[in-house]
Amino acid sequence: MNDPKEQNYFFEEAIKTLRTNIQFAGMDVKTITFTSCYPNEGKSNVVFQLACEIGKMGKRVLLLDADIRKSTFVSRYSVKQKVLGLSQYLSGQVKVRDIIY
């Protein structure tokens, strides 16, 4: 299983399976949290791909990056504008619309 295409296929299928399981969890599920004990376990990648899959279903998705110290999304997805974040919002410095990209 060293073939990158095969690995990518299995990853995509796992994301779709996760999406389907979340769908069957019920209509009252509004928040999903991903966490782990160690850095670099793939949380950001899994969360982003899952958000994309849910969005493809026509659902509204807000992906909240709460990693204040070491965010990966800004650099990984080339956000070009000035980045304001969760800590500025929580401390009342900016409005929620200012931290959505």
Protein backbone atom coordinates (compact mmCIF):
# COMPACT_ATOMS: atom_id res chain seq x y z
CA MET A 1 0.00 0.00 0.00
CA ASN A 2 2.83 2.41 -0.84
CA ASP A 3 1.05 3.68 -3.95
CA PRO A 4 0.07 7.34 -3.28
CA LYS A 5 -3.05 7.01 -5.46
CA GLU A 6 -4.19 4.02 -3.46
CA GLN A 7 -3.51 5.82 -0.16
CA ASN A 8 -5.41 8.86 -1.42
CA TYR A 9 -8.35 6.66 -2.42
CA PHE A 10 -8.53 5.07 1.03
CA PHE A 11 -8.30 8.48 2.71
CA GLU A 12 -11.11 9.89 0.55
CA GLU A 13 -13.28 6.85 1.27
CA ALA A 14 -12.62 7.18 5.00
CA ILE A 15 -13.70 10.85 4.88
CA LYS A 16 -16.88 9.92 3.02
CA THR A 17 -17.59 7.18 5.57
CA LEU A 18 -17.08 9.67 8.40
CA ARG A 19 -19.42 12.14 6.67
CA THR A 20 -22.08 9.45 6.27
CA ASN A 21 -21.78 8.40 9.91
CA ILE A 22 -22.23 12.01 10.98
CA GLN A 23 -25.33 12.24 8.79
CA PHE A 24 -26.81 9.22 10.55
CA ALA A 25 -26.03 10.69 13.97
CA GLY A 26 -29.23 12.75 13.73
CA MET A 27 -30.47 16.20 12.86
CA ASP A 28 -29.71 17.63 16.30
CA VAL A 29 -25.92 17.41 15.81
CA LYS A 30 -24.73 20.98 15.30
CA THR A 31 -21.12 20.88 16.51
CA ILE A 32 -18.32 18.41 15.91
CA THR A 33 -14.99 18.74 17.69
CA PHE A 34 -11.74 17.09 16.65
CA THR A 35 -8.85 16.82 19.06
CA SER A 36 -5.90 14.62 19.89
CA CYS A 37 -3.14 14.26 22.42
CA TYR A 38 -0.24 14.90 20.07
CA PRO A 39 0.61 17.35 17.28
CA ASN A 40 0.90 16.30 13.64
CA GLU A 41 -1.68 13.54 13.78
CA GLY A 42 -3.59 14.88 10.76
CA LYS A 43 -6.48 16.67 12.48
CA SER A 44 -6.36 19.73 10.23
CA ASN A 45 -6.32 17.66 7.06
CA VAL A 46 -9.18 15.42 8.18
CA VAL A 47 -11.27 18.37 9.36
CA PHE A 48 -10.74 20.38 6.17
CA GLN A 49 -11.58 17.43 3.90
CA LEU A 50 -14.65 16.59 5.99
CA ALA A 51 -15.81 20.21 5.81
CA CYS A 52 -15.42 20.09 2.02
CA GLU A 53 -17.44 16.87 1.78
CA ILE A 54 -20.24 18.26 3.94
CA GLY A 55 -20.22 21.44 1.85
CA LYS A 56 -20.57 19.37 -1.33
CA MET A 57 -23.86 18.10 0.10
CA GLY A 58 -25.18 21.67 0.11
CA LYS A 59 -24.80 22.08 3.86
CA ARG A 60 -23.46 25.25 5.41
CA VAL A 61 -20.14 24.64 7.13
CA LEU A 62 -18.12 26.85 9.43
CA LEU A 63 -14.67 25.44 10.10
CA LEU A 64 -13.33 27.04 13.24
CA ASP A 65 -9.55 26.87 13.69
CA ALA A 66 -9.06 27.18 17.43
CA ASP A 67 -5.34 26.44 17.41
CA ILE A 68 -4.20 29.87 18.54
CA ARG A 69 -0.51 29.00 18.80
CA LYS A 70 0.11 26.99 15.64
CA SER A 71 -2.60 27.40 13.02
CA THR A 72 -1.98 25.54 9.79
CA PHE A 73 -4.88 26.79 7.68
CA VAL A 74 -3.61 30.32 6.96
CA SER A 75 -0.36 29.17 5.38
CA ARG A 76 -1.65 25.92 3.90
CA TYR A 77 -4.52 27.58 2.02
CA SER A 78 -2.70 30.84 1.18
CA VAL A 79 -4.93 33.38 2.91
CA LYS A 80 -3.61 36.62 1.43
CA GLN A 81 -5.38 39.21 3.59
CA LYS A 82 -4.50 40.30 7.11
CA VAL A 83 -5.54 37.52 9.44
CA LEU A 84 -7.51 38.26 12.56
CA GLY A 85 -8.34 35.29 14.70
CA LEU A 86 -10.35 33.69 17.43
CA SER A 87 -8.48 35.38 20.28
CA GLN A 88 -9.25 38.84 18.86
CA TYR A 89 -12.92 37.91 18.55
CA LEU A 90 -13.16 36.41 22.04
CA SER A 91 -11.52 39.48 23.57
CA GLY A 92 -14.01 41.80 21.82
CA GLN A 93 -11.46 43.45 19.52
CA VAL A 94 -13.21 42.41 16.28
CA LYS A 95 -16.62 41.23 15.11
CA VAL A 96 -17.24 37.65 14.00
CA ARG A 97 -17.46 38.71 10.34
CA ASP A 98 -13.84 39.91 10.60
CA ILE A 99 -12.50 36.43 11.35
CA ILE A 100 -14.31 34.44 8.65
CA TYR A 101 -12.21 33.71 5.56
